[in-house]
Amino acid sequence: MKRNWELDELIEHFTILPNEMRLIENKTGETRIGFAVLLKFFQNEARFPTHKYEVPKAVIAYIAKQIFSEPELYAQYDWTGRSITYHRTQIREFFGFREDTIEDAQAMTEWLCQHVLHHDHEFEHLKERVYRRFHEL
């Protein structure tokens, strides 16, 4: 995810819509801000952050303001417990995604070999193509 966001970009990509707010409103404290950030990150990236600090502070602050939360609470959100596992499941279901399988990985490997690897071996490009392909599927 890019690090610097202009206000108009934050509004376009990270504004919480009413149907999304219904998922958030029953949560409190660090769980509320953590869930909201995961939700909007997933919506924009079609994946979850690999670590807590992958999300730019400006994004966290913009989301926190909308849900009447303190952005500092995000640092307290537990990235290893049952809550985040449940939150990820809720978010995937909300957007109509499912967890990937071994078969998905095998199919992706075949797709990469047939359509990408013959002309591009740059890791970051490959990673972007894989995320885009999974999002399409």
N, C-alpha and C. Protein backbone atom coordinates (compact mmCIF):
# COMPACT_ATOMS: atom_id res chain seq x y z
N MET A 1 0.84 -1.17 0.00
CA MET A 1 0.00 0.00 0.00
C MET A 1 0.89 1.23 0.00
N LYS A 2 0.47 2.23 -0.77
CA LYS A 2 1.28 3.44 -0.80
C LYS A 2 1.25 4.14 0.56
N ARG A 3 2.27 4.92 0.83
CA ARG A 3 2.44 5.53 2.15
C ARG A 3 1.78 6.90 2.29
N ASN A 4 1.74 7.69 1.22
CA ASN A 4 1.24 9.06 1.30
C ASN A 4 -0.08 9.20 0.56
N TRP A 5 -1.07 9.74 1.25
CA TRP A 5 -2.42 9.88 0.71
C TRP A 5 -2.87 11.32 0.83
N GLU A 6 -3.44 11.83 -0.25
CA GLU A 6 -4.07 13.15 -0.24
C GLU A 6 -5.47 12.98 0.33
N LEU A 7 -6.06 14.07 0.82
CA LEU A 7 -7.39 14.00 1.42
C LEU A 7 -8.43 13.45 0.44
N ASP A 8 -8.41 13.90 -0.81
CA ASP A 8 -9.39 13.41 -1.77
C ASP A 8 -9.25 11.91 -2.02
N GLU A 9 -8.02 11.38 -1.93
CA GLU A 9 -7.80 9.95 -2.07
C GLU A 9 -8.32 9.20 -0.85
N LEU A 10 -8.09 9.75 0.33
CA LEU A 10 -8.62 9.13 1.55
C LEU A 10 -10.14 9.05 1.48
N ILE A 11 -10.75 10.13 1.05
CA ILE A 11 -12.21 10.16 0.94
C ILE A 11 -12.69 9.11 -0.05
N GLU A 12 -12.03 9.03 -1.20
CA GLU A 12 -12.45 8.08 -2.23
C GLU A 12 -12.27 6.63 -1.82
N HIS A 13 -11.15 6.32 -1.17
CA HIS A 13 -10.81 4.91 -0.91
C HIS A 13 -11.12 4.42 0.50
N PHE A 14 -11.28 5.34 1.45
CA PHE A 14 -11.40 4.89 2.84
C PHE A 14 -12.62 5.44 3.58
N THR A 15 -13.57 5.99 2.85
CA THR A 15 -14.81 6.42 3.49
C THR A 15 -15.65 5.19 3.81
N ILE A 16 -16.12 5.12 5.03
CA ILE A 16 -16.92 3.98 5.48
C ILE A 16 -18.37 4.22 5.08
N LEU A 17 -18.91 3.29 4.34
CA LEU A 17 -20.29 3.37 3.86
C LEU A 17 -21.25 2.82 4.92
N PRO A 18 -22.54 3.17 4.82
CA PRO A 18 -23.50 2.72 5.85
C PRO A 18 -23.54 1.21 6.06
N ASN A 19 -23.49 0.42 4.99
CA ASN A 19 -23.53 -1.03 5.16
C ASN A 19 -22.25 -1.55 5.84
N GLU A 20 -21.13 -0.86 5.64
CA GLU A 20 -19.89 -1.23 6.31
C GLU A 20 -19.94 -0.81 7.78
N MET A 21 -20.56 0.33 8.05
CA MET A 21 -20.67 0.82 9.42
C MET A 21 -21.46 -0.17 10.28
N ARG A 22 -22.42 -0.84 9.69
CA ARG A 22 -23.21 -1.82 10.46
C ARG A 22 -22.33 -2.97 10.96
N LEU A 23 -21.28 -3.30 10.22
CA LEU A 23 -20.35 -4.34 10.68
C LEU A 23 -19.47 -3.85 11.82
N ILE A 24 -19.22 -2.56 11.85
CA ILE A 24 -18.27 -1.96 12.79
C ILE A 24 -18.94 -1.55 14.09
N GLU A 25 -20.19 -1.11 14.02
CA GLU A 25 -20.81 -0.42 15.16
C GLU A 25 -20.97 -1.26 16.42
N ASN A 26 -20.91 -2.57 16.33
CA ASN A 26 -21.04 -3.39 17.55
C ASN A 26 -19.69 -3.70 18.20
N LYS A 27 -18.64 -3.09 17.68
CA LYS A 27 -17.30 -3.31 18.23
C LYS A 27 -16.86 -2.06 19.00
N THR A 28 -15.95 -2.25 19.96
CA THR A 28 -15.50 -1.13 20.78
C THR A 28 -13.98 -1.12 20.90
N GLY A 29 -13.44 0.02 21.29
CA GLY A 29 -12.02 0.16 21.58
C GLY A 29 -11.12 -0.21 20.44
N GLU A 30 -10.02 -0.90 20.77
CA GLU A 30 -9.05 -1.28 19.75
C GLU A 30 -9.62 -2.27 18.75
N THR A 31 -10.63 -3.04 19.17
CA THR A 31 -11.28 -3.98 18.26
C THR A 31 -12.02 -3.22 17.16
N ARG A 32 -12.65 -2.13 17.52
CA ARG A 32 -13.41 -1.31 16.56
C ARG A 32 -12.47 -0.73 15.49
N ILE A 33 -11.41 -0.07 15.92
CA ILE A 33 -10.49 0.54 14.95
C ILE A 33 -9.74 -0.52 14.16
N GLY A 34 -9.34 -1.61 14.82
CA GLY A 34 -8.64 -2.68 14.12
C GLY A 34 -9.49 -3.30 13.03
N PHE A 35 -10.74 -3.59 13.36
CA PHE A 35 -11.65 -4.17 12.38
C PHE A 35 -11.88 -3.22 11.22
N ALA A 36 -12.14 -1.95 11.52
CA ALA A 36 -12.42 -0.97 10.47
C ALA A 36 -11.23 -0.81 9.52
N VAL A 37 -10.03 -0.78 10.07
CA VAL A 37 -8.84 -0.65 9.24
C VAL A 37 -8.67 -1.90 8.37
N LEU A 38 -8.84 -3.08 8.95
CA LEU A 38 -8.76 -4.31 8.15
C LEU A 38 -9.79 -4.31 7.02
N LEU A 39 -10.99 -3.89 7.34
CA LEU A 39 -12.08 -3.86 6.35
C LEU A 39 -11.71 -2.99 5.16
N LYS A 40 -11.30 -1.77 5.41
CA LYS A 40 -11.01 -0.84 4.32
C LYS A 40 -9.71 -1.21 3.60
N PHE A 41 -8.73 -1.73 4.32
CA PHE A 41 -7.50 -2.19 3.67
C PHE A 41 -7.83 -3.32 2.71
N PHE A 42 -8.61 -4.29 3.18
CA PHE A 42 -8.97 -5.43 2.34
C PHE A 42 -9.77 -4.98 1.12
N GLN A 43 -10.66 -4.05 1.33
CA GLN A 43 -11.48 -3.54 0.22
C GLN A 43 -10.59 -2.93 -0.87
N ASN A 44 -9.54 -2.26 -0.48
CA ASN A 44 -8.68 -1.59 -1.44
C ASN A 44 -7.58 -2.46 -2.01
N GLU A 45 -7.09 -3.40 -1.23
CA GLU A 45 -5.93 -4.20 -1.65
C GLU A 45 -6.29 -5.64 -2.01
N ALA A 46 -7.51 -6.08 -1.70
CA ALA A 46 -7.94 -7.47 -1.91
C ALA A 46 -7.05 -8.45 -1.14
N ARG A 47 -6.53 -7.98 -0.02
CA ARG A 47 -5.72 -8.81 0.88
C ARG A 47 -5.67 -8.09 2.22
N PHE A 48 -5.20 -8.80 3.23
CA PHE A 48 -5.02 -8.19 4.55
C PHE A 48 -3.58 -7.70 4.68
N PRO A 49 -3.35 -6.72 5.55
CA PRO A 49 -1.96 -6.28 5.76
C PRO A 49 -1.12 -7.42 6.31
N THR A 50 0.14 -7.46 5.91
CA THR A 50 1.01 -8.52 6.41
C THR A 50 1.49 -8.23 7.83
N HIS A 51 1.47 -6.97 8.22
CA HIS A 51 1.79 -6.59 9.59
C HIS A 51 1.04 -5.30 9.93
N LYS A 52 0.91 -5.06 11.19
CA LYS A 52 0.12 -3.95 11.71
C LYS A 52 0.53 -2.60 11.13
N TYR A 53 1.83 -2.39 10.97
CA TYR A 53 2.32 -1.08 10.57
C TYR A 53 2.46 -0.91 9.06
N GLU A 54 1.89 -1.83 8.31
CA GLU A 54 1.82 -1.67 6.85
C GLU A 54 0.81 -0.59 6.48
N VAL A 55 -0.13 -0.33 7.36
CA VAL A 55 -1.18 0.66 7.10
C VAL A 55 -0.65 2.05 7.47
N PRO A 56 -0.68 2.99 6.53
CA PRO A 56 -0.19 4.34 6.83
C PRO A 56 -0.99 5.03 7.93
N LYS A 57 -0.30 5.86 8.72
CA LYS A 57 -0.95 6.58 9.82
C LYS A 57 -2.10 7.46 9.34
N ALA A 58 -1.95 8.06 8.17
CA ALA A 58 -3.01 8.93 7.64
C ALA A 58 -4.30 8.14 7.40
N VAL A 59 -4.16 6.92 6.93
CA VAL A 59 -5.33 6.05 6.69
C VAL A 59 -5.99 5.70 8.03
N ILE A 60 -5.18 5.33 9.00
CA ILE A 60 -5.71 4.98 10.33
C ILE A 60 -6.43 6.18 10.93
N ALA A 61 -5.83 7.35 10.85
CA ALA A 61 -6.44 8.56 11.41
C ALA A 61 -7.75 8.89 10.72
N TYR A 62 -7.80 8.76 9.41
CA TYR A 62 -9.03 9.06 8.65
C TYR A 62 -10.15 8.10 9.04
N ILE A 63 -9.83 6.83 9.14
CA ILE A 63 -10.83 5.83 9.53
C ILE A 63 -11.28 6.07 10.97
N ALA A 64 -10.35 6.33 11.86
CA ALA A 64 -10.66 6.55 13.29
C ALA A 64 -11.64 7.71 13.45
N LYS A 65 -11.44 8.76 12.70
CA LYS A 65 -12.31 9.94 12.80
C LYS A 65 -13.76 9.58 12.44
N GLN A 66 -13.93 8.74 11.45
CA GLN A 66 -15.27 8.37 11.00
C GLN A 66 -16.03 7.51 12.01
N ILE A 67 -15.28 6.71 12.76
CA ILE A 67 -15.94 5.79 13.70
C ILE A 67 -15.83 6.28 15.14
N PHE A 68 -15.44 7.55 15.30
CA PHE A 68 -15.34 8.18 16.61
C PHE A 68 -14.44 7.37 17.55
N SER A 69 -13.25 7.06 17.03
CA SER A 69 -12.27 6.29 17.78
C SER A 69 -10.95 7.06 17.82
N GLU A 70 -10.10 6.69 18.73
CA GLU A 70 -8.78 7.29 18.82
C GLU A 70 -7.82 6.47 17.95
N PRO A 71 -7.08 7.10 17.04
CA PRO A 71 -6.17 6.34 16.18
C PRO A 71 -5.10 5.57 16.97
N GLU A 72 -4.74 6.05 18.15
CA GLU A 72 -3.73 5.39 18.96
C GLU A 72 -4.16 3.99 19.40
N LEU A 73 -5.47 3.75 19.46
CA LEU A 73 -5.98 2.43 19.86
C LEU A 73 -5.59 1.33 18.86
N TYR A 74 -5.35 1.73 17.61
CA TYR A 74 -4.99 0.75 16.59
C TYR A 74 -3.74 -0.03 16.99
N ALA A 75 -2.79 0.62 17.63
CA ALA A 75 -1.54 -0.06 18.05
C ALA A 75 -1.81 -1.17 19.06
N GLN A 76 -2.94 -1.10 19.76
CA GLN A 76 -3.29 -2.10 20.77
C GLN A 76 -4.07 -3.29 20.19
N TYR A 77 -4.49 -3.20 18.94
CA TYR A 77 -5.26 -4.27 18.31
C TYR A 77 -4.41 -5.54 18.24
N ASP A 78 -4.96 -6.65 18.70
CA ASP A 78 -4.24 -7.92 18.79
C ASP A 78 -4.17 -8.61 17.43
N TRP A 79 -2.97 -8.81 16.94
CA TRP A 79 -2.76 -9.43 15.63
C TRP A 79 -2.54 -10.93 15.71
N THR A 80 -2.69 -11.53 16.89
CA THR A 80 -2.42 -12.95 17.01
C THR A 80 -3.58 -13.74 17.61
N GLY A 81 -4.59 -13.10 18.09
CA GLY A 81 -5.65 -13.79 18.82
C GLY A 81 -6.80 -14.28 17.95
N ARG A 82 -7.82 -14.74 18.64
CA ARG A 82 -9.01 -15.25 17.96
C ARG A 82 -9.81 -14.15 17.29
N SER A 83 -9.76 -12.95 17.86
CA SER A 83 -10.55 -11.85 17.31
C SER A 83 -10.16 -11.52 15.88
N ILE A 84 -8.88 -11.42 15.61
CA ILE A 84 -8.46 -11.06 14.25
C ILE A 84 -8.82 -12.17 13.26
N THR A 85 -8.75 -13.41 13.70
CA THR A 85 -9.15 -14.52 12.83
C THR A 85 -10.63 -14.41 12.49
N TYR A 86 -11.45 -14.13 13.49
CA TYR A 86 -12.88 -13.96 13.27
C TYR A 86 -13.14 -12.73 12.40
N HIS A 87 -12.43 -11.65 12.65
CA HIS A 87 -12.62 -10.43 11.86
C HIS A 87 -12.29 -10.68 10.39
N ARG A 88 -11.21 -11.38 10.14
CA ARG A 88 -10.84 -11.69 8.76
C ARG A 88 -11.93 -12.52 8.07
N THR A 89 -12.49 -13.46 8.80
CA THR A 89 -13.57 -14.27 8.25
C THR A 89 -14.78 -13.40 7.93
N GLN A 90 -15.17 -12.54 8.86
CA GLN A 90 -16.30 -11.63 8.63
C GLN A 90 -16.06 -10.76 7.39
N ILE A 91 -14.89 -10.24 7.26
CA ILE A 91 -14.57 -9.34 6.14
C ILE A 91 -14.57 -10.10 4.81
N ARG A 92 -13.96 -11.28 4.78
CA ARG A 92 -13.99 -12.08 3.55
C ARG A 92 -15.42 -12.40 3.16
N GLU A 93 -16.24 -12.80 4.11
CA GLU A 93 -17.64 -13.10 3.81
C GLU A 93 -18.38 -11.87 3.30
N PHE A 94 -18.13 -10.73 3.90
CA PHE A 94 -18.78 -9.48 3.49
C PHE A 94 -18.49 -9.16 2.03
N PHE A 95 -17.25 -9.40 1.60
CA PHE A 95 -16.86 -9.08 0.23
C PHE A 95 -16.98 -10.27 -0.72
N GLY A 96 -17.44 -11.42 -0.22
CA GLY A 96 -17.63 -12.58 -1.08
C GLY A 96 -16.34 -13.29 -1.44
N PHE A 97 -15.35 -13.24 -0.57
CA PHE A 97 -14.09 -13.93 -0.78
C PHE A 97 -14.06 -15.18 0.10
N ARG A 98 -13.11 -16.06 -0.20
CA ARG A 98 -12.86 -17.22 0.65
C ARG A 98 -11.36 -17.37 0.81
N GLU A 99 -10.95 -18.16 1.80
CA GLU A 99 -9.52 -18.40 1.97
C GLU A 99 -9.01 -19.23 0.79
N ASP A 100 -7.75 -19.03 0.45
CA ASP A 100 -7.17 -19.79 -0.65
C ASP A 100 -6.86 -21.22 -0.21
N THR A 101 -6.77 -22.09 -1.20
CA THR A 101 -6.50 -23.50 -0.95
C THR A 101 -5.21 -23.91 -1.66
N ILE A 102 -4.78 -25.13 -1.42
CA ILE A 102 -3.61 -25.66 -2.13
C ILE A 102 -3.90 -25.71 -3.63
N GLU A 103 -5.11 -26.06 -4.00
CA GLU A 103 -5.49 -26.09 -5.41
C GLU A 103 -5.40 -24.70 -6.03
N ASP A 104 -5.80 -23.68 -5.27
CA ASP A 104 -5.68 -22.31 -5.77
C ASP A 104 -4.22 -21.95 -6.03
N ALA A 105 -3.35 -22.34 -5.11
CA ALA A 105 -1.91 -22.05 -5.27
C ALA A 105 -1.35 -22.78 -6.49
N GLN A 106 -1.76 -24.02 -6.69
CA GLN A 106 -1.29 -24.76 -7.86
C GLN A 106 -1.78 -24.12 -9.15
N ALA A 107 -3.04 -23.72 -9.17
CA ALA A 107 -3.60 -23.06 -10.35
C ALA A 107 -2.90 -21.73 -10.62
N MET A 108 -2.57 -21.00 -9.56
CA MET A 108 -1.88 -19.73 -9.72
C MET A 108 -0.48 -19.95 -10.27
N THR A 109 0.20 -20.98 -9.80
CA THR A 109 1.54 -21.30 -10.30
C THR A 109 1.48 -21.60 -11.79
N GLU A 110 0.52 -22.39 -12.20
CA GLU A 110 0.35 -22.72 -13.62
C GLU A 110 0.06 -21.46 -14.43
N TRP A 111 -0.82 -20.60 -13.92
CA TRP A 111 -1.16 -19.36 -14.62
C TRP A 111 0.07 -18.47 -14.78
N LEU A 112 0.85 -18.35 -13.70
CA LEU A 112 2.08 -17.55 -13.77
C LEU A 112 3.04 -18.10 -14.83
N CYS A 113 3.21 -19.40 -14.85
CA CYS A 113 4.11 -20.02 -15.83
C CYS A 113 3.63 -19.78 -17.26
N GLN A 114 2.34 -19.85 -17.48
CA GLN A 114 1.78 -19.71 -18.83
C GLN A 114 1.69 -18.26 -19.30
N HIS A 115 1.43 -17.32 -18.37
CA HIS A 115 1.09 -15.97 -18.80
C HIS A 115 2.04 -14.86 -18.35
N VAL A 116 2.89 -15.13 -17.37
CA VAL A 116 3.67 -14.03 -16.81
C VAL A 116 5.17 -14.30 -16.82
N LEU A 117 5.58 -15.44 -16.34
CA LEU A 117 7.01 -15.69 -16.11
C LEU A 117 7.87 -15.69 -17.36
N HIS A 118 7.28 -15.90 -18.50
CA HIS A 118 8.09 -15.90 -19.72
C HIS A 118 8.60 -14.50 -20.09
N HIS A 119 8.04 -13.44 -19.48
CA HIS A 119 8.51 -12.09 -19.79
C HIS A 119 8.77 -11.21 -18.57
N ASP A 120 8.53 -11.71 -17.36
CA ASP A 120 8.75 -10.88 -16.17
C ASP A 120 9.14 -11.76 -14.99
N HIS A 121 10.29 -11.44 -14.37
CA HIS A 121 10.74 -12.19 -13.20
C HIS A 121 10.93 -11.29 -11.98
N GLU A 122 10.56 -10.05 -12.09
CA GLU A 122 10.70 -9.09 -10.99
C GLU A 122 9.70 -9.44 -9.88
N PHE A 123 10.21 -9.70 -8.67
CA PHE A 123 9.37 -10.19 -7.57
C PHE A 123 8.17 -9.28 -7.30
N GLU A 124 8.40 -7.98 -7.18
CA GLU A 124 7.30 -7.06 -6.86
C GLU A 124 6.24 -7.07 -7.96
N HIS A 125 6.65 -7.16 -9.22
CA HIS A 125 5.68 -7.24 -10.32
C HIS A 125 4.87 -8.53 -10.23
N LEU A 126 5.57 -9.62 -9.94
CA LEU A 126 4.88 -10.91 -9.82
C LEU A 126 3.87 -10.88 -8.69
N LYS A 127 4.28 -10.31 -7.57
CA LYS A 127 3.39 -10.21 -6.41
C LYS A 127 2.13 -9.42 -6.77
N GLU A 128 2.31 -8.30 -7.44
CA GLU A 128 1.16 -7.49 -7.87
C GLU A 128 0.25 -8.27 -8.80
N ARG A 129 0.83 -8.99 -9.75
CA ARG A 129 0.04 -9.77 -10.71
C ARG A 129 -0.75 -10.87 -10.00
N VAL A 130 -0.12 -11.52 -9.02
CA VAL A 130 -0.80 -12.58 -8.27
C VAL A 130 -1.98 -12.00 -7.50
N TYR A 131 -1.76 -10.89 -6.79
CA TYR A 131 -2.87 -10.27 -6.05
C TYR A 131 -3.98 -9.86 -7.01
N ARG A 132 -3.63 -9.27 -8.13
CA ARG A 132 -4.65 -8.84 -9.10
C ARG A 132 -5.43 -10.04 -9.65
N ARG A 133 -4.71 -11.13 -9.94
CA ARG A 133 -5.36 -12.33 -10.48
C ARG A 133 -6.30 -12.94 -9.45
N PHE A 134 -5.86 -13.07 -8.20
CA PHE A 134 -6.74 -13.60 -7.16
C PHE A 134 -7.97 -12.72 -7.00
N HIS A 135 -7.76 -11.42 -7.08
CA HIS A 135 -8.90 -10.48 -6.96
C HIS A 135 -9.89 -10.71 -8.10
N GLU A 136 -9.39 -10.91 -9.33
CA GLU A 136 -10.25 -11.17 -10.48
C GLU A 136 -11.05 -12.46 -10.29
N LEU A 137 -10.38 -13.48 -9.77
CA LEU A 137 -11.03 -14.77 -9.59
C LEU A 137 -12.04 -14.72 -8.46
